Protein backbone atom coordinates (compact mmCIF):
# COMPACT_ATOMS: atom_id res chain seq x y z
CA MET A 1 -39.94 65.82 -14.73
CA ILE A 2 -41.07 69.22 -13.50
CA ALA A 3 -41.23 69.64 -9.62
CA HIS A 4 -41.42 73.31 -9.29
CA LEU A 5 -42.85 75.96 -11.65
CA ARG A 6 -42.41 79.70 -11.47
CA GLY A 7 -43.73 82.18 -13.92
CA ARG A 8 -46.41 84.67 -14.78
CA LEU A 9 -50.14 83.57 -14.09
CA ILE A 10 -51.98 83.81 -17.54
CA SER A 11 -55.31 82.23 -16.54
CA LYS A 12 -57.02 80.72 -13.60
CA HIS A 13 -60.08 78.63 -13.00
CA PRO A 14 -61.36 76.59 -10.10
CA ASN A 15 -59.65 73.32 -11.53
CA GLN A 16 -56.97 74.71 -13.82
CA ALA A 17 -54.27 77.45 -14.07
CA ILE A 18 -51.94 78.38 -17.02
CA VAL A 19 -48.56 79.61 -15.87
CA GLU A 20 -46.17 81.24 -18.41
CA ALA A 21 -42.49 80.36 -17.82
CA ALA A 22 -39.68 81.27 -20.34
CA GLY A 23 -42.25 81.83 -23.00
CA VAL A 24 -44.07 78.53 -22.69
CA GLY A 25 -47.56 78.26 -21.25
CA TYR A 26 -48.02 75.25 -18.87
CA ASP A 27 -51.61 74.03 -18.26
CA VAL A 28 -51.78 72.90 -14.62
CA ALA A 29 -54.62 71.18 -12.84
CA ILE A 30 -55.19 72.64 -9.28
CA SER A 31 -57.48 72.26 -6.49
CA ILE A 32 -60.00 74.63 -5.09
CA PRO A 33 -57.74 75.66 -2.11
CA THR A 34 -54.75 76.45 -4.46
CA PHE A 35 -57.28 78.35 -6.57
CA SER A 36 -58.53 80.49 -3.77
CA ASP A 37 -55.01 81.44 -2.72
CA LEU A 38 -53.70 82.22 -6.37
CA PRO A 39 -52.74 85.73 -6.83
CA ALA A 40 -54.20 88.01 -9.37
CA ILE A 41 -53.75 87.21 -13.13
CA GLY A 42 -50.52 88.59 -14.49
CA SER A 43 -48.81 88.11 -11.14
CA GLU A 44 -45.73 86.10 -10.39
CA VAL A 45 -46.70 82.56 -9.12
CA ALA A 46 -44.69 79.54 -7.87
CA LEU A 47 -46.28 76.18 -7.78
CA HIS A 48 -45.17 72.74 -6.37
CA ILE A 49 -45.71 70.32 -9.21
CA HIS A 50 -46.50 66.81 -9.42
CA THR A 51 -45.99 65.29 -12.95
CA HIS A 52 -48.17 62.48 -14.00
CA VAL A 53 -46.87 60.41 -16.89
CA ARG A 54 -49.25 58.08 -18.72
CA GLU A 55 -48.71 56.39 -22.18
CA ASP A 56 -50.88 58.97 -24.06
CA ALA A 57 -50.47 62.23 -21.78
CA LEU A 58 -48.28 64.34 -19.61
CA ALA A 59 -50.28 66.07 -16.86
CA LEU A 60 -49.11 68.59 -14.30
CA PHE A 61 -50.87 68.94 -11.08
CA GLY A 62 -50.02 72.17 -9.07
CA PHE A 63 -50.21 73.11 -5.37
CA LEU A 64 -49.26 76.33 -3.60
CA ARG A 65 -48.35 74.50 -0.21
CA LEU A 66 -46.07 71.59 -0.16
CA GLU A 67 -48.13 69.77 2.49
CA GLU A 68 -51.17 69.66 0.01
CA LYS A 69 -49.05 68.22 -2.78
CA GLN A 70 -47.45 65.55 -0.34
CA LEU A 71 -51.11 64.66 0.65
CA PHE A 72 -52.06 64.29 -3.14
CA GLU A 73 -49.01 61.96 -3.62
CA LYS A 74 -50.37 59.83 -0.70
CA LEU A 75 -53.93 59.78 -2.09
CA ILE A 76 -52.80 58.49 -5.64
CA THR A 77 -51.15 55.54 -3.99
CA VAL A 78 -54.61 54.43 -2.83
CA SER A 79 -55.94 51.70 -5.15
CA GLY A 80 -59.04 53.23 -7.25
CA ILE A 81 -57.80 56.89 -6.81
CA GLY A 82 -56.22 58.46 -9.74
CA PRO A 83 -54.90 62.09 -10.04
CA LYS A 84 -58.19 63.68 -10.97
CA LEU A 85 -60.06 61.92 -8.16
CA ALA A 86 -57.31 63.22 -5.81
CA ILE A 87 -57.60 66.74 -6.95
CA THR A 88 -61.41 66.61 -6.37
CA ILE A 89 -60.71 65.13 -3.01
CA LEU A 90 -58.45 67.76 -1.95
CA SER A 91 -60.93 70.23 -3.18
CA GLY A 92 -63.47 68.70 -0.78
CA MET A 93 -62.01 69.27 2.52
CA PRO A 94 -59.00 71.31 4.06
CA THR A 95 -55.78 69.15 4.39
CA ALA A 96 -55.87 69.02 8.20
CA GLU A 97 -59.31 68.05 8.25
CA MET A 98 -58.65 65.28 5.76
CA VAL A 99 -55.71 64.06 7.79
CA GLY A 100 -57.97 64.03 10.87
CA ALA A 101 -60.68 62.22 9.23
CA ILE A 102 -58.45 59.45 7.71
CA ARG A 103 -56.71 58.92 11.11
CA ALA A 104 -60.10 58.87 12.79
CA ASN A 105 -61.62 56.38 10.20
CA ASP A 106 -64.51 59.03 9.60
CA TYR A 107 -66.02 57.38 6.71
CA ALA A 108 -69.16 59.50 7.03
CA ARG A 109 -67.21 62.82 6.71
CA LEU A 110 -64.99 61.43 3.78
CA THR A 111 -68.01 60.18 1.75
CA ARG A 112 -69.37 63.76 1.70
CA ILE A 113 -66.63 64.52 -0.91
CA PRO A 114 -68.08 64.13 -4.39
CA GLY A 115 -66.47 61.09 -6.04
CA VAL A 116 -65.73 59.34 -2.65
CA GLY A 117 -68.03 56.28 -1.87
CA LYS A 118 -67.99 54.11 1.06
CA LYS A 119 -65.38 51.78 -0.27
CA THR A 120 -63.11 54.51 -1.51
CA ALA A 121 -63.26 56.24 1.97
CA GLU A 122 -62.53 52.78 3.70
CA ARG A 123 -59.45 52.15 1.30
CA MET A 124 -58.28 55.80 2.05
CA CYS A 125 -58.35 55.01 5.81
CA VAL A 126 -56.88 51.63 5.66
CA GLU A 127 -54.08 52.50 3.41
CA LEU A 128 -53.06 55.95 4.65
CA ARG A 129 -53.84 55.80 8.31
CA ASP A 130 -50.21 54.86 9.21
CA LYS A 131 -48.48 56.81 6.39
CA LEU A 132 -49.59 60.51 7.51
CA ASP A 133 -46.99 61.03 10.28
CA ALA A 134 -45.33 63.87 8.26
CA PHE A 135 -48.66 65.78 8.67
CA GLY A 136 -48.23 66.17 12.41
CA GLU A 137 -51.01 66.28 14.94
CA ALA A 138 -54.33 66.62 13.05
CA ARG A 139 -56.86 69.11 14.35
CA PRO A 140 -59.85 67.53 15.98
CA VAL A 141 -62.88 67.22 13.66
CA ALA A 142 -65.77 68.84 15.42
CA ALA A 143 -68.53 66.48 16.13
CA VAL A 144 -71.86 67.34 14.45
CA SER A 145 -75.09 66.31 16.19
CA ALA A 146 -77.87 64.44 14.03
CA VAL A 147 -80.01 67.64 14.34
CA GLU A 148 -77.10 69.79 12.95
CA GLU A 149 -76.53 67.21 10.27
CA ASP A 150 -80.04 67.40 9.07
CA VAL A 151 -80.15 71.10 8.99
CA ILE A 152 -76.96 71.17 6.87
CA SER A 153 -78.50 68.62 4.56
CA ALA A 154 -81.62 70.79 4.24
CA LEU A 155 -79.68 73.79 3.60
CA THR A 156 -77.45 72.12 0.83
CA ASN A 157 -80.79 70.83 -0.71
CA LEU A 158 -81.85 74.37 -0.86
CA GLY A 159 -78.77 75.23 -2.90
CA TYR A 160 -76.12 76.47 -0.32
CA GLN A 161 -72.82 75.16 -0.46
CA ARG A 162 -71.97 72.80 2.36
CA ALA A 163 -69.13 74.93 3.80
CA ILE A 164 -71.41 77.87 4.00
CA ALA A 165 -74.20 75.82 5.43
CA GLU A 166 -71.82 74.40 8.04
CA LYS A 167 -70.75 77.87 9.26
CA ALA A 168 -74.39 79.03 9.40
CA VAL A 169 -75.36 75.98 11.42
CA GLU A 170 -72.36 76.58 13.72
CA ARG A 171 -73.54 80.26 14.36
CA ALA A 172 -77.12 79.06 14.72
CA VAL A 173 -76.31 76.43 17.44
CA ALA A 174 -74.76 79.09 19.48
CA SER A 175 -78.16 80.81 19.90
CA ALA A 176 -80.70 78.17 19.34
CA GLY A 177 -79.02 75.09 20.97
CA ARG A 178 -78.58 71.66 19.07
CA GLU A 179 -81.68 69.75 19.94
CA ASN A 180 -84.65 71.47 18.08
CA PHE A 181 -84.50 71.24 14.17
CA ASP A 182 -86.91 73.96 13.61
CA ALA A 183 -84.98 76.44 15.89
CA VAL A 184 -81.67 75.63 14.49
CA PHE A 185 -83.02 75.42 10.83
CA ARG A 186 -84.55 79.07 11.33
CA ALA A 187 -81.45 80.60 13.07
CA ALA A 188 -79.21 79.39 10.24
CA LEU A 189 -81.42 80.66 7.52
CA GLY A 190 -81.43 84.06 9.51
CA ALA A 191 -77.55 83.90 9.50
CA LEU A 192 -77.53 83.13 5.81
CA SER A 193 -79.78 86.03 4.88
CA LYS A 194 -77.58 88.64 6.72
């Protein structure tokens, strides 16, 4: 079983990295946060590895931060969540926010992650709520008003990524308030066009 992999980064994509160690190229599935923090191709990289063994395959899942690997290993203990869905879940929300959402039973926030329906979100909360002590105190998840959520939804329907839409709405609320959809929407569009 491989637990740690250090070598030269040969290739990287949002869901995959290839690391060469001792002349062997290891194909490693990664999350978006790990992809974002990877060094340039050709650089030395060290990944925490979870080795998943099945009858027909041996799959490696890599993480730059040990905390992310630990949360991945907690997620795959939830019934209905396999390693591929766990990687997708980790790509959908920062680790600290995920821990906070699970502890707070915030199903609405968890179901925004692709592949996570209401039942999966409920199972995550029920099965993991008391198993996340190793992650310390979670950052509080900012409450979003109904108007803000509507504006975020409208922006994502226009093709903006959710994280970018959330940041634009956050800036828009500072100048336009939280009550008027049109004002927040226009201010958010203005922030996105800059």
